[in-house]
C-alpha atoms as a PDB file:
ATOM      1  CA  MET A   1      50.345  71.839   7.680  1.00  0.00           C
ATOM      2  CA  THR A   2      48.567  74.782   6.149  1.00  0.00           C
ATOM      3  CA  ASN A   3      45.038  75.614   7.217  1.00  0.00           C
ATOM      4  CA  ALA A   4      43.699  74.960   3.697  1.00  0.00           C
ATOM      5  CA  PHE A   5      45.275  71.512   3.535  1.00  0.00           C
ATOM      6  CA  GLY A   6      44.171  70.673   7.077  1.00  0.00           C
ATOM      7  CA  TYR A   7      40.633  71.623   6.132  1.00  0.00           C
ATOM      8  CA  LEU A   8      40.645  69.749   2.811  1.00  0.00           C
ATOM      9  CA  THR A   9      42.311  66.612   4.122  1.00  0.00           C
ATOM     10  CA  VAL A  10      39.440  65.937   6.535  1.00  0.00           C
ATOM     11  CA  LEU A  11      37.131  64.875   3.710  1.00  0.00           C
ATOM     12  CA  ILE A  12      39.875  62.772   2.102  1.00  0.00           C
ATOM     13  CA  SER A  13      40.493  61.039   5.439  1.00  0.00           C
ATOM     14  CA  ILE A  14      36.794  60.366   5.965  1.00  0.00           C
ATOM     15  CA  ILE A  15      36.435  58.679   2.577  1.00  0.00           C
ATOM     16  CA  LEU A  16      39.594  56.617   3.064  1.00  0.00           C
ATOM     17  CA  GLY A  17      38.493  55.719   6.602  1.00  0.00           C
ATOM     18  CA  LEU A  18      35.110  54.541   5.349  1.00  0.00           C
ATOM     19  CA  GLY A  19      36.884  52.258   2.850  1.00  0.00           C
ATOM     20  CA  ILE A  20      39.084  50.776   5.583  1.00  0.00           C
ATOM     21  CA  THR A  21      36.044  50.380   7.844  1.00  0.00           C
ATOM     22  CA  HIS A  22      34.132  48.490   5.168  1.00  0.00           C
ATOM     23  CA  LEU A  23      37.036  46.170   4.381  1.00  0.00           C
ATOM     24  CA  LEU A  24      37.820  45.350   8.004  1.00  0.00           C
ATOM     25  CA  SER A  25      34.173  44.907   9.013  1.00  0.00           C
ATOM     26  CA  SER A  26      33.600  42.666   5.985  1.00  0.00           C
ATOM     27  CA  VAL A  27      36.565  40.489   6.898  1.00  0.00           C
ATOM     28  CA  ALA A  28      35.364  40.315  10.513  1.00  0.00           C
ATOM     29  CA  ARG A  29      31.842  39.432   9.342  1.00  0.00           C
ATOM     30  CA  SER A  30      33.252  36.720   7.057  1.00  0.00           C
ATOM     31  CA  ILE A  31      35.232  35.234   9.913  1.00  0.00           C
ATOM     32  CA  SER A  32      32.250  35.265  12.247  1.00  0.00           C
ATOM     33  CA  ARG A  33      30.096  33.630   9.547  1.00  0.00           C
ATOM     34  CA  ARG A  34      32.823  31.215   8.437  1.00  0.00           C
ATOM     35  CA  ALA A  35      30.519  28.196   8.672  1.00  0.00           C
ATOM     36  CA  THR A  36      28.281  29.539   5.909  1.00  0.00           C
ATOM     37  CA  ILE A  37      30.782  31.480   3.761  1.00  0.00           C
ATOM     38  CA  LYS A  38      32.418  29.939   0.699  1.00  0.00           C
ATOM     39  CA  PHE A  39      35.868  31.504   0.876  1.00  0.00           C
ATOM     40  CA  TYR A  40      37.971  32.408  -2.156  1.00  0.00           C
ATOM     41  CA  TRP A  41      41.530  33.344  -1.251  1.00  0.00           C
ATOM     42  CA  PRO A  42      42.136  35.797  -4.144  1.00  0.00           C
ATOM     43  CA  THR A  43      39.413  37.961  -2.588  1.00  0.00           C
ATOM     44  CA  PHE A  44      41.530  38.319   0.550  1.00  0.00           C
ATOM     45  CA  VAL A  45      44.592  39.180  -1.530  1.00  0.00           C
ATOM     46  CA  TRP A  46      42.706  41.994  -3.279  1.00  0.00           C
ATOM     47  CA  ILE A  47      41.309  43.175   0.069  1.00  0.00           C
ATOM     48  CA  LEU A  48      44.909  43.496   1.228  1.00  0.00           C
ATOM     49  CA  VAL A  49      45.853  45.329  -1.981  1.00  0.00           C
ATOM     50  CA  VAL A  50      43.021  47.828  -1.498  1.00  0.00           C
ATOM     51  CA  LEU A  51      44.062  48.340   2.154  1.00  0.00           C
ATOM     52  CA  VAL A  52      47.659  48.964   1.083  1.00  0.00           C
ATOM     53  CA  LEU A  53      46.495  51.424  -1.579  1.00  0.00           C
ATOM     54  CA  ILE A  54      44.266  53.296   0.877  1.00  0.00           C
ATOM     55  CA  VAL A  55      47.130  53.688   3.340  1.00  0.00           C
ATOM     56  CA  GLN A  56      49.510  54.655   0.527  1.00  0.00           C
ATOM     57  CA  VAL A  57      47.142  57.368  -0.733  1.00  0.00           C
ATOM     58  CA  TRP A  58      46.736  58.770   2.773  1.00  0.00           C
ATOM     59  CA  TRP A  59      50.538  58.622   3.250  1.00  0.00           C
ATOM     60  CA  VAL A  60      51.382  60.280  -0.068  1.00  0.00           C
ATOM     61  CA  ASP A  61      48.745  62.985   0.236  1.00  0.00           C
ATOM     62  CA  PHE A  62      50.865  64.553   2.984  1.00  0.00           C
ATOM     63  CA  SER A  63      53.080  65.838   0.168  1.00  0.00           C
ATOM     64  CA  LEU A  64      50.163  68.086  -0.794  1.00  0.00           C
ATOM     65  CA  SER A  65      50.356  69.920   2.547  1.00  0.00           C
ATOM     66  CA  GLY A  66      52.815  72.379   1.030  1.00  0.00           C
ATOM     67  CA  GLN A  67      50.364  73.305  -1.704  1.00  0.00           C
ATOM     68  CA  ARG A  68      49.453  76.964  -1.212  1.00  0.00           C
ATOM     69  CA  GLN A  69      46.807  77.494  -3.893  1.00  0.00           C
ATOM     70  CA  TRP A  70      43.893  75.098  -4.162  1.00  0.00           C
ATOM     71  CA  THR A  71      41.194  75.149  -6.808  1.00  0.00           C
ATOM     72  CA  LEU A  72      37.912  73.285  -6.751  1.00  0.00           C
ATOM     73  CA  ALA A  73      39.082  71.240  -9.752  1.00  0.00           C
ATOM     74  CA  GLY A  74      42.347  70.369  -8.001  1.00  0.00           C
ATOM     75  CA  PHE A  75      40.554  69.324  -4.837  1.00  0.00           C
ATOM     76  CA  ALA A  76      37.906  67.365  -6.754  1.00  0.00           C
ATOM     77  CA  SER A  77      40.668  65.498  -8.580  1.00  0.00           C
ATOM     78  CA  THR A  78      42.276  64.738  -5.213  1.00  0.00           C
ATOM     79  CA  LEU A  79      38.996  63.165  -4.042  1.00  0.00           C
ATOM     80  CA  LEU A  80      38.725  60.876  -7.077  1.00  0.00           C
ATOM     81  CA  ILE A  81      41.247  58.253  -5.922  1.00  0.00           C
ATOM     82  CA  PRO A  82      39.812  57.914  -2.388  1.00  0.00           C
ATOM     83  CA  ALA A  83      36.329  57.643  -3.933  1.00  0.00           C
ATOM     84  CA  VAL A  84      37.490  54.922  -6.331  1.00  0.00           C
ATOM     85  CA  LEU A  85      39.162  53.003  -3.504  1.00  0.00           C
ATOM     86  CA  TYR A  86      35.964  53.248  -1.473  1.00  0.00           C
ATOM     87  CA  LEU A  87      33.954  51.801  -4.389  1.00  0.00           C
ATOM     88  CA  MET A  88      36.553  49.066  -4.835  1.00  0.00           C
ATOM     89  CA  SER A  89      36.202  48.107  -1.180  1.00  0.00           C
ATOM     90  CA  PHE A  90      32.537  47.279  -1.816  1.00  0.00           C
ATOM     91  CA  LEU A  91      33.183  45.416  -5.059  1.00  0.00           C
ATOM     92  CA  VAL A  92      35.906  43.197  -3.645  1.00  0.00           C
ATOM     93  CA  VAL A  93      33.776  41.970  -0.734  1.00  0.00           C
ATOM     94  CA  ASN A  94      30.070  42.317  -0.096  1.00  0.00           C
ATOM     95  CA  GLU A  95      27.293  40.566   1.805  1.00  0.00           C
ATOM     96  CA  SER A  96      27.323  37.430  -0.359  1.00  0.00           C
ATOM     97  CA  ASP A  97      28.037  34.023   1.141  1.00  0.00           C
ATOM     98  CA  ASP A  98      29.967  32.968  -1.986  1.00  0.00           C
ATOM     99  CA  MET A  99      33.185  34.964  -2.331  1.00  0.00           C
ATOM    100  CA  ARG A 100      34.173  33.279  -5.592  1.00  0.00           C
ATOM    101  CA  ALA A 101      30.850  34.127  -7.257  1.00  0.00           C
ATOM    102  CA  THR A 102      31.091  37.723  -6.022  1.00  0.00           C
ATOM    103  CA  TYR A 103      34.690  37.955  -7.234  1.00  0.00           C
ATOM    104  CA  PHE A 104      33.831  36.879 -10.773  1.00  0.00           C
ATOM    105  CA  GLU A 105      30.633  38.930 -10.811  1.00  0.00           C
ATOM    106  CA  ASN A 106      32.524  42.135  -9.907  1.00  0.00           C
ATOM    107  CA  ARG A 107      35.945  41.346 -11.449  1.00  0.00           C
ATOM    108  CA  VAL A 108      35.745  43.610 -14.518  1.00  0.00           C
ATOM    109  CA  TRP A 109      34.350  46.556 -12.533  1.00  0.00           C
ATOM    110  CA  PHE A 110      36.923  46.089  -9.770  1.00  0.00           C
ATOM    111  CA  PHE A 111      39.892  45.969 -12.135  1.00  0.00           C
ATOM    112  CA  SER A 112      38.529  48.776 -14.305  1.00  0.00           C
ATOM    113  CA  LEU A 113      38.359  51.002 -11.231  1.00  0.00           C
ATOM    114  CA  LEU A 114      41.860  49.895 -10.257  1.00  0.00           C
ATOM    115  CA  MET A 115      43.018  50.900 -13.731  1.00  0.00           C
ATOM    116  CA  SER A 116      41.408  54.323 -13.367  1.00  0.00           C
ATOM    117  CA  ILE A 117      43.582  55.165 -10.342  1.00  0.00           C
ATOM    118  CA  SER A 118      46.657  55.866 -12.505  1.00  0.00           C
ATOM    119  CA  PHE A 119      44.630  58.143 -14.764  1.00  0.00           C
ATOM    120  CA  PHE A 120      43.095  60.010 -11.813  1.00  0.00           C
ATOM    121  CA  GLY A 121      46.531  60.283 -10.200  1.00  0.00           C
ATOM    122  CA  ALA A 122      47.908  61.923 -13.346  1.00  0.00           C
ATOM    123  CA  LEU A 123      44.896  64.248 -13.472  1.00  0.00           C
ATOM    124  CA  GLN A 124      45.466  65.231  -9.834  1.00  0.00           C
ATOM    125  CA  GLN A 125      49.162  65.881 -10.466  1.00  0.00           C
ATOM    126  CA  LEU A 126      48.321  68.063 -13.445  1.00  0.00           C
ATOM    127  CA  LEU A 127      45.584  70.063 -11.711  1.00  0.00           C
ATOM    128  CA  VAL A 128      47.282  70.437  -8.313  1.00  0.00           C
ATOM    129  CA  GLU A 129      51.007  70.485  -9.149  1.00  0.00           C
ATOM    130  CA  GLY A 130      50.885  71.687 -12.747  1.00  0.00           C
ATOM    131  CA  HIS A 131      52.731  68.672 -14.204  1.00  0.00           C
ATOM    132  CA  VAL A 132      52.537  64.872 -14.407  1.00  0.00           C
ATOM    133  CA  HIS A 133      55.279  62.864 -12.717  1.00  0.00           C
ATOM    134  CA  GLY A 134      57.519  60.724 -14.895  1.00  0.00           C
ATOM    135  CA  GLY A 135      60.437  58.442 -14.236  1.00  0.00           C
ATOM    136  CA  VAL A 136      60.169  55.272 -12.181  1.00  0.00           C
ATOM    137  CA  ASP A 137      56.655  56.112 -10.980  1.00  0.00           C
ATOM    138  CA  LEU A 138      55.342  56.355 -14.543  1.00  0.00           C
ATOM    139  CA  ILE A 139      57.109  53.141 -15.577  1.00  0.00           C
ATOM    140  CA  ALA A 140      55.726  51.272 -12.564  1.00  0.00           C
ATOM    141  CA  LYS A 141      52.190  52.544 -13.179  1.00  0.00           C
ATOM    142  CA  SER A 142      52.428  51.524 -16.843  1.00  0.00           C
ATOM    143  CA  ALA A 143      53.520  48.014 -15.822  1.00  0.00           C
ATOM    144  CA  GLY A 144      50.641  47.906 -13.355  1.00  0.00           C
ATOM    145  CA  GLU A 145      48.180  48.870 -16.074  1.00  0.00           C
ATOM    146  CA  ILE A 146      49.411  45.963 -18.216  1.00  0.00           C
ATOM    147  CA  LEU A 147      48.873  43.560 -15.307  1.00  0.00           C
ATOM    148  CA  ILE A 148      45.374  44.932 -14.738  1.00  0.00           C
ATOM    149  CA  VAL A 149      44.463  44.466 -18.411  1.00  0.00           C
ATOM    150  CA  GLY A 150      45.600  40.856 -18.055  1.00  0.00           C
ATOM    151  CA  ALA A 151      43.371  40.386 -15.003  1.00  0.00           C
ATOM    152  CA  ILE A 152      40.432  41.730 -17.014  1.00  0.00           C
ATOM    153  CA  ILE A 153      41.108  39.647 -20.130  1.00  0.00           C
ATOM    154  CA  PHE A 154      42.018  36.297 -18.557  1.00  0.00           C
ATOM    155  CA  ARG A 155      38.841  35.006 -16.904  1.00  0.00           C
ATOM    156  CA  SER A 156      40.015  31.604 -15.745  1.00  0.00           C
ATOM    157  CA  ASP A 157      40.196  30.725 -12.076  1.00  0.00           C
ATOM    158  CA  SER A 158      43.881  29.834 -12.317  1.00  0.00           C
ATOM    159  CA  GLY A 159      44.601  33.087 -14.177  1.00  0.00           C
ATOM    160  CA  GLN A 160      42.883  35.113 -11.461  1.00  0.00           C
ATOM    161  CA  LYS A 161      44.911  33.326  -8.788  1.00  0.00           C
ATOM    162  CA  ILE A 162      48.144  34.119 -10.643  1.00  0.00           C
ATOM    163  CA  PHE A 163      47.148  37.778 -11.027  1.00  0.00           C
ATOM    164  CA  ALA A 164      46.303  37.950  -7.314  1.00  0.00           C
ATOM    165  CA  ILE A 165      49.799  36.744  -6.383  1.00  0.00           C
ATOM    166  CA  VAL A 166      51.512  38.979  -8.938  1.00  0.00           C
ATOM    167  CA  GLY A 167      49.273  41.889  -7.919  1.00  0.00           C
ATOM    168  CA  ILE A 168      50.135  41.765  -4.223  1.00  0.00           C
ATOM    169  CA  VAL A 169      53.849  41.381  -4.900  1.00  0.00           C
ATOM    170  CA  PHE A 170      53.733  44.247  -7.405  1.00  0.00           C
ATOM    171  CA  ILE A 171      51.813  46.663  -5.191  1.00  0.00           C
ATOM    172  CA  VAL A 172      53.910  45.972  -2.086  1.00  0.00           C
ATOM    173  CA  ALA A 173      57.114  46.439  -4.115  1.00  0.00           C
ATOM    174  CA  TYR A 174      55.746  49.634  -5.700  1.00  0.00           C
ATOM    175  CA  VAL A 175      54.630  51.189  -2.417  1.00  0.00           C
ATOM    176  CA  TRP A 176      57.691  50.049  -0.462  1.00  0.00           C
ATOM    177  CA  GLY A 177      60.090  51.096  -3.224  1.00  0.00           C
ATOM    178  CA  LEU A 178      58.687  54.531  -3.995  1.00  0.00           C
ATOM    179  CA  PHE A 179      56.910  55.629  -0.822  1.00  0.00           C
ATOM    180  CA  TYR A 180      58.887  54.181   2.083  1.00  0.00           C
ATOM    181  CA  TYR A 181      59.617  57.651   3.496  1.00  0.00           C
ATOM    182  CA  LEU A 182      56.926  60.234   4.175  1.00  0.00           C
ATOM    183  CA  PRO A 183      56.979  62.506   1.119  1.00  0.00           C
ATOM    184  CA  THR A 184      58.025  66.053   1.822  1.00  0.00           C
ATOM    185  CA  PRO A 185      55.570  68.817   0.952  1.00  0.00           C
ATOM    186  CA  ALA A 186      56.189  70.707  -2.272  1.00  0.00           C
END
C-alpha cells in the first residue's frame, strides 16, 4: 500500500465505518424496543443491501492502492460513494417507531441516492483511472438502474416487497459474481 493511498483511505474507512455503525446500532435499538416498534421487513432487506454495498466499496477500493497520482478531484470523487451510503443508512432506518411509514416517507430519496452510486462510480473511474469500466460491470449496473427506477415508480406495498426481494438477490449476485476476489491494484 502506498503512503498516499494509506493516508487517503483513512477518511474513506471512517465514513464507511460510520454508516455501518449507524445501521447496526439502529437494528440493535429496534430489537431492544421491539415492543413499541412497528416492523416492516423490506426495511431490513434494504439495511442488508446497504451493509453489503458498504463492505463491497471498502473491498473494491483496495484496487486503488496501486494508484500513484492522486488529484483532489479524484479523491473527492472517491469519497462520494461512501458519503452516499452513509446518507442512505440514515434514510433506510431512523428513530421512528413505524418502519413502514419511514420507509415510504424516505423511499424516493433512498432509491435516488442508490441510483446515484453508479454515476459516482463512473465519475470516480474517469477521474482516478482515466476511463470508465465497461463489460459485465456496466451491464449489471444498467440492469440495477432499471430495477431502482421501478422501485421509485411503483409505490404499492406489494411492489416494494417484490423490489426488496429482487434487490437483495441482485446485489448479492452482483457483488459475489464480480468482486469475490480482492481486486488487484492497478
